[in-house]
Amino acid sequence: MTTKNILMIARDKKVEALRMASGLTLLDDAVSVLICGVLEASAAADEQLEALEFSDVPVSRLENLAEAAAAMAAAIARADVVYLV
């Protein structure tokens, strides 16, 4: 079985997207996360970010939405599967 590159884009429901990405780490696939816009500080967000860090999942923050499109396009081109939440 081949390893897939999974990209989780956290746009509207950011904490939920982080939670889903944490769950995807249970697979044997590579997971990465793009956070579009500002992630509001909360205990739930911190918990998920800590879990992703523990699993060595790269998390990129795209707070400058004017530059986000190019970074998002490049990440999508590298991914086999993309989730937008």
Foldseek 3Di string as FASTA:
>chain_A
DDAFEEEEEQEPPNLVSLVVQLVVLVDPHAYEYEYEADDDDDPSSVVSVVSCVVSVHHYHYHRPNVPVVVVVVVSVVRGPHYHYD
